[in-house]
Amino acid sequence: MPTRPPAAVSPDLPSPRTRAADAVRGRARVAVRSGRAAARALTGRAGALPGFVVVGAQRCGTTSLFDDLCRHPQVRRPTGKELQYFTLHHRRPLAWYRGHFPVTGAGEQTFEASPYYLFHPHAAERFAAALPRTRAVVLLRDPVERAVSHHLHSVRSGLERLPLEEALAAEPARMARAERLGVDSRAGHRLLRAGSYAARGRYGEQLARWVGALGPERVHVVRSEDLHADPAHHLAALQAFLGLDPVPLDHARRTRRRDDGGPDPLPAARRLLEGAFDADDAVLRRVTGWTSTW
């Protein structure tokens, strides 16, 4: 009996098996968190909305910063790090989001960290409408190194099968396809999250959107490299911005997946990346007031 040839797989998206497994894990994670949120609501323990949110950027050290802030005695931990209310779950009621936070006492705050918020085109306006007094914290890393780390993360997660140079060449078409499909569709989210290696490093346009929505007084920006080089100084400045008492915090630098252990990208791919952010740098300097970037 003749065998059926394997189905062609689009390089734009992970394989059906990977997508199915990813969907199952995502649904399970949301179900667990939603169960916790519902239990809190039923027992009258749904907490206050967050006093601040770490909104990005991906692969810039947000997991380490989340852990740092959770150790502050005035900060209460949410049900999980990435709640994604203003992106993946924006159609859910605000009560669902609120149920993920604990009750806070006098002088206490709660928060979350979803690095997709900075990049998503509609997250800032949704955030501003739902949280009119909440502050945003932005962590930025050299965009070339961020893109390399992002690609390695996508490969290891089964979301990317192209080498970095080919993925960069495919990126404009992928981003255009996400727009056509709708940036809030399931496929649109998948494309925006997994394949936006250069686009996510154009921080200037993203920050301009957030500062425009919230105002500069509610947005705090710090370079990952600066935080790692002098954590005491930058964590103290962040605590002051957030209205927290100054407490020495040990900065435990880590990421969900290690960046080492893989081959360095081809020099051609790195050259493509190094030229990808020149135009955006002027916008970034204007928005932040920095005299130089990286």
Protein backbone atom coordinates (compact mmCIF):
# COMPACT_ATOMS: atom_id res chain seq x y z
CA MET A 1 0.00 0.00 0.00
CA PRO A 2 1.47 3.42 -0.91
CA THR A 3 2.28 5.63 2.04
CA ARG A 4 0.96 9.16 2.34
CA PRO A 5 3.68 11.79 1.95
CA PRO A 6 4.30 13.96 5.00
CA ALA A 7 2.35 17.18 5.11
CA ALA A 8 4.27 20.33 4.35
CA VAL A 9 4.93 22.48 7.38
CA SER A 10 5.07 26.26 7.17
CA PRO A 11 8.30 27.78 8.48
CA ASP A 12 6.19 30.59 9.96
CA LEU A 13 4.76 28.42 12.71
CA PRO A 14 5.83 25.50 14.88
CA SER A 15 4.72 22.00 13.92
CA PRO A 16 1.14 20.93 14.72
CA ARG A 17 2.46 18.61 17.44
CA THR A 18 4.44 21.43 19.05
CA ARG A 19 1.49 23.80 18.79
CA ALA A 20 -0.83 21.23 20.38
CA ALA A 21 1.55 20.56 23.27
CA ASP A 22 2.09 24.27 23.78
CA ALA A 23 -1.67 24.88 23.80
CA VAL A 24 -2.23 22.14 26.38
CA ARG A 25 0.46 23.54 28.67
CA GLY A 26 -0.90 27.06 28.26
CA ARG A 27 -4.48 26.01 29.04
CA ALA A 28 -3.34 24.06 32.09
CA ARG A 29 -1.36 27.03 33.40
CA VAL A 30 -4.29 29.41 32.91
CA ALA A 31 -6.69 26.91 34.50
CA VAL A 32 -4.55 26.62 37.63
CA ARG A 33 -4.18 30.37 37.97
CA SER A 34 -7.87 30.96 37.23
CA GLY A 35 -8.79 28.41 39.89
CA ARG A 36 -6.70 30.28 42.43
CA ALA A 37 -8.23 33.57 41.37
CA ALA A 38 -11.78 32.18 41.62
CA ALA A 39 -11.09 30.73 45.06
CA ARG A 40 -9.84 34.08 46.26
CA ALA A 41 -12.91 35.84 44.89
CA LEU A 42 -15.30 33.34 46.50
CA THR A 43 -13.69 33.72 49.90
CA GLY A 44 -13.53 37.51 49.65
CA ARG A 45 -9.75 37.50 49.43
CA ALA A 46 -9.36 38.96 45.93
CA GLY A 47 -6.74 41.60 46.36
CA ALA A 48 -6.00 45.10 45.24
CA LEU A 49 -4.92 45.77 41.70
CA PRO A 50 -1.14 45.93 41.16
CA GLY A 51 0.74 49.03 42.20
CA PHE A 52 3.27 48.40 39.45
CA VAL A 53 3.91 46.02 36.57
CA VAL A 54 7.17 44.98 34.92
CA VAL A 55 6.11 45.30 31.27
CA GLY A 56 9.25 44.16 29.45
CA ALA A 57 11.30 43.46 27.63
CA GLN A 58 11.53 39.75 26.92
CA ARG A 59 14.95 38.11 27.47
CA CYS A 60 16.16 41.17 29.37
CA GLY A 61 16.18 39.76 32.91
CA THR A 62 12.56 40.21 33.95
CA THR A 63 12.50 36.85 35.75
CA SER A 64 15.46 37.88 37.90
CA LEU A 65 13.87 41.26 38.62
CA PHE A 66 10.55 39.59 39.49
CA ASP A 67 12.35 37.42 42.04
CA ASP A 68 14.23 40.44 43.42
CA LEU A 69 11.02 42.38 43.99
CA CYS A 70 9.18 39.42 45.51
CA ARG A 71 11.78 39.43 48.30
CA HIS A 72 10.89 42.98 49.36
CA PRO A 73 8.89 42.89 52.63
CA GLN A 74 6.33 45.40 51.31
CA VAL A 75 5.66 43.47 48.08
CA ARG A 76 3.11 40.64 47.89
CA ARG A 77 3.51 37.95 45.23
CA PRO A 78 0.74 37.29 42.64
CA THR A 79 -0.37 33.82 41.55
CA GLY A 80 2.31 33.76 38.84
CA LYS A 81 4.76 35.87 36.92
CA GLU A 82 3.19 36.34 33.48
CA LEU A 83 -0.52 36.95 33.84
CA GLN A 84 -0.80 38.38 30.30
CA TYR A 85 -4.07 40.15 31.08
CA PHE A 86 -3.49 42.98 28.61
CA THR A 87 -2.47 40.64 25.78
CA LEU A 88 -3.60 37.00 25.73
CA HIS A 89 -6.44 37.43 28.23
CA HIS A 90 -7.63 40.98 27.59
CA ARG A 91 -11.22 39.83 26.94
CA ARG A 92 -11.57 38.48 30.48
CA PRO A 93 -13.20 40.72 33.11
CA LEU A 94 -11.06 42.85 35.39
CA ALA A 95 -12.29 40.70 38.29
CA TRP A 96 -10.39 37.75 36.77
CA TYR A 97 -7.20 39.79 36.78
CA ARG A 98 -7.80 41.10 40.27
CA GLY A 99 -8.28 37.59 41.57
CA HIS A 100 -4.64 36.83 40.82
CA PHE A 101 -3.44 39.28 43.47
CA PRO A 102 -3.46 38.93 47.24
CA VAL A 103 -4.98 41.30 49.75
CA THR A 104 -2.47 43.99 50.65
CA GLY A 105 -2.03 45.70 54.00
CA ALA A 106 -1.00 49.23 54.81
CA GLY A 107 2.13 50.19 52.91
CA GLU A 108 2.11 47.00 50.83
CA GLN A 109 1.88 46.58 47.05
CA THR A 110 1.45 43.70 44.69
CA PHE A 111 2.61 43.41 41.09
CA GLU A 112 3.17 41.17 38.10
CA ALA A 113 5.65 40.90 35.24
CA SER A 114 4.59 40.17 31.64
CA PRO A 115 7.37 41.15 29.20
CA TYR A 116 5.09 40.76 26.18
CA TYR A 117 3.23 43.91 27.27
CA LEU A 118 5.96 46.28 26.08
CA PHE A 119 5.86 44.91 22.54
CA HIS A 120 2.16 44.26 21.99
CA PRO A 121 0.63 47.20 20.06
CA HIS A 122 -2.51 47.47 22.22
CA ALA A 123 -1.24 46.61 25.71
CA ALA A 124 -0.31 50.16 26.73
CA GLU A 125 -3.74 51.65 26.02
CA ARG A 126 -5.47 48.73 27.78
CA PHE A 127 -3.16 49.10 30.76
CA ALA A 128 -3.78 52.85 30.98
CA ALA A 129 -7.56 52.38 30.86
CA ALA A 130 -7.69 49.62 33.50
CA LEU A 131 -4.92 50.80 35.82
CA PRO A 132 -4.93 54.62 35.82
CA ARG A 133 -2.45 54.94 38.71
CA THR A 134 -0.27 51.86 38.25
CA ARG A 135 3.38 52.35 37.32
CA ALA A 136 5.32 50.51 34.62
CA VAL A 137 8.87 49.20 34.95
CA VAL A 138 10.87 48.54 31.78
CA LEU A 139 14.08 46.52 31.63
CA LEU A 140 16.08 46.80 28.39
CA ARG A 141 19.09 44.87 27.11
CA ASP A 142 21.43 45.37 24.17
CA PRO A 143 18.98 44.57 21.34
CA VAL A 144 21.51 42.47 19.43
CA GLU A 145 22.14 40.22 22.44
CA ARG A 146 18.43 40.18 23.23
CA ALA A 147 17.60 38.95 19.72
CA VAL A 148 20.25 36.21 19.87
CA SER A 149 18.86 35.07 23.23
CA HIS A 150 15.28 35.24 21.92
CA HIS A 151 16.13 33.07 18.92
CA LEU A 152 17.88 30.47 21.08
CA HIS A 153 14.90 30.44 23.44
CA SER A 154 12.48 29.94 20.54
CA VAL A 155 14.59 27.10 19.10
CA ARG A 156 14.85 25.32 22.44
CA SER A 157 11.11 25.75 23.01
CA GLY A 158 10.29 24.16 19.66
CA LEU A 159 8.87 27.42 18.28
CA GLU A 160 11.57 28.09 15.70
CA ARG A 161 13.25 25.82 13.14
CA LEU A 162 15.11 28.37 11.04
CA PRO A 163 18.70 29.48 11.72
CA LEU A 164 18.94 33.04 12.98
CA GLU A 165 19.94 34.59 9.67
CA GLU A 166 17.02 32.93 7.87
CA ALA A 167 14.63 33.80 10.70
CA LEU A 168 15.64 37.47 10.43
CA ALA A 169 14.99 37.37 6.69
CA ALA A 170 11.57 35.82 7.35
CA GLU A 171 10.65 38.25 10.12
CA PRO A 172 9.06 41.07 8.05
CA ALA A 173 6.73 38.60 6.35
CA ARG A 174 5.88 36.99 9.69
CA MET A 175 5.06 40.33 11.30
CA ALA A 176 2.95 41.31 8.27
CA ARG A 177 1.12 38.01 8.51
CA ALA A 178 0.42 38.60 12.20
CA GLU A 179 -1.16 41.93 11.24
CA ARG A 180 -3.31 40.25 8.59
CA LEU A 181 -4.43 37.50 10.96
CA GLY A 182 -5.04 40.00 13.75
CA VAL A 183 -2.53 40.71 16.50
CA ASP A 184 -4.97 39.35 19.09
CA SER A 185 -5.72 36.12 17.24
CA ARG A 186 -4.10 32.93 18.47
CA ALA A 187 -1.91 32.68 15.37
CA GLY A 188 -1.13 36.39 15.53
CA HIS A 189 0.09 36.09 19.11
CA ARG A 190 2.20 33.08 18.18
CA LEU A 191 3.93 34.97 15.39
CA LEU A 192 4.42 38.14 17.44
CA ARG A 193 5.86 36.27 20.42
CA ALA A 194 8.11 33.71 18.75
CA GLY A 195 9.50 35.43 15.66
CA SER A 196 9.94 39.11 16.57
CA TYR A 197 13.72 38.98 16.99
CA ALA A 198 14.59 42.41 15.57
CA ALA A 199 11.17 44.04 16.06
CA ARG A 200 11.25 43.62 19.84
CA GLY A 201 14.60 45.39 19.99
CA ARG A 202 13.18 48.60 18.55
CA TYR A 203 12.60 49.91 22.02
CA GLY A 204 12.15 53.55 21.09
CA GLU A 205 8.82 53.11 19.33
CA GLN A 206 7.57 50.80 22.08
CA LEU A 207 8.57 53.14 24.90
CA ALA A 208 7.06 56.11 23.06
CA ARG A 209 3.74 54.25 23.03
CA TRP A 210 3.91 53.52 26.78
CA VAL A 211 5.06 56.99 27.79
CA GLY A 212 2.32 58.47 25.60
CA ALA A 213 -0.32 56.31 27.31
CA LEU A 214 0.87 56.62 30.92
CA GLY A 215 2.98 59.77 31.05
CA PRO A 216 6.73 59.82 31.76
CA GLU A 217 6.23 60.04 35.53
CA ARG A 218 4.76 56.52 35.59
CA VAL A 219 7.43 54.76 33.51
CA HIS A 220 10.82 53.71 34.89
CA VAL A 221 13.46 52.40 32.47
CA VAL A 222 16.73 50.68 33.33
CA ARG A 223 19.31 48.82 31.24
CA SER A 224 19.85 45.17 32.17
CA GLU A 225 23.60 45.69 31.87
CA ASP A 226 23.49 48.55 34.37
CA LEU A 227 21.37 46.56 36.81
CA HIS A 228 23.77 43.62 36.67
CA ALA A 229 26.84 45.86 37.02
CA ASP A 230 25.53 47.85 40.02
CA PRO A 231 22.42 46.13 41.41
CA ALA A 232 22.46 47.98 44.74
CA HIS A 233 22.25 51.40 43.09
CA HIS A 234 19.62 50.52 40.49
CA LEU A 235 17.41 48.49 42.81
CA ALA A 236 17.50 51.40 45.29
CA ALA A 237 16.44 53.81 42.52
CA LEU A 238 13.64 51.44 41.51
CA GLN A 239 12.38 51.15 45.09
CA ALA A 240 12.31 54.94 45.35
CA PHE A 241 10.30 55.16 42.11
CA LEU A 242 7.82 52.58 43.42
CA GLY A 243 7.44 54.25 46.83
CA LEU A 244 8.92 51.25 48.66
CA ASP A 245 11.12 51.50 51.72
CA PRO A 246 14.81 51.14 50.81
CA VAL A 247 15.74 47.53 51.53
CA PRO A 248 18.97 45.82 50.41
CA LEU A 249 18.03 43.15 47.89
CA ASP A 250 20.34 40.44 46.61
CA HIS A 251 20.14 40.45 42.82
CA ALA A 252 19.94 36.81 41.73
CA ARG A 253 20.75 37.01 38.05
CA ARG A 254 19.07 34.17 36.19
CA THR A 255 16.82 33.43 33.24
CA ARG A 256 14.31 30.70 32.60
CA ARG A 257 16.64 29.15 30.03
CA ARG A 258 20.38 29.57 29.89
CA ASP A 259 21.75 31.46 26.91
CA ASP A 260 25.04 29.57 26.82
CA GLY A 261 25.72 26.12 25.44
CA GLY A 262 24.77 26.86 21.83
CA PRO A 263 26.83 27.96 18.85
CA ASP A 264 27.36 31.65 18.29
CA PRO A 265 25.20 32.92 15.42
CA LEU A 266 26.77 33.40 12.02
CA PRO A 267 28.64 36.70 11.62
CA ALA A 268 26.23 37.63 8.82
CA ALA A 269 23.26 37.31 11.19
CA ARG A 270 24.98 39.49 13.78
CA ARG A 271 25.75 42.11 11.14
CA LEU A 272 22.08 42.13 10.13
CA LEU A 273 21.09 42.71 13.74
CA GLU A 274 23.67 45.42 14.35
CA GLY A 275 22.17 47.50 11.55
CA ALA A 276 18.56 46.84 12.52
CA PHE A 277 18.29 49.39 15.32
CA ASP A 278 20.07 52.49 14.00
CA ALA A 279 16.91 54.43 13.12
CA ASP A 280 15.19 53.50 16.38
CA ASP A 281 18.13 54.61 18.52
CA ALA A 282 17.31 58.29 17.96
CA VAL A 283 13.74 57.69 19.17
CA LEU A 284 15.00 55.76 22.19
CA ARG A 285 17.40 58.56 23.18
CA ARG A 286 14.65 61.14 22.83
CA VAL A 287 12.16 59.19 24.94
CA THR A 288 14.62 58.23 27.69
CA GLY A 289 16.90 61.25 27.67
CA TRP A 290 19.91 58.95 27.31
CA THR A 291 22.94 60.37 25.52
CA SER A 292 23.88 56.93 24.17
CA THR A 293 22.34 53.48 23.95
CA TRP A 294 24.58 50.45 23.50
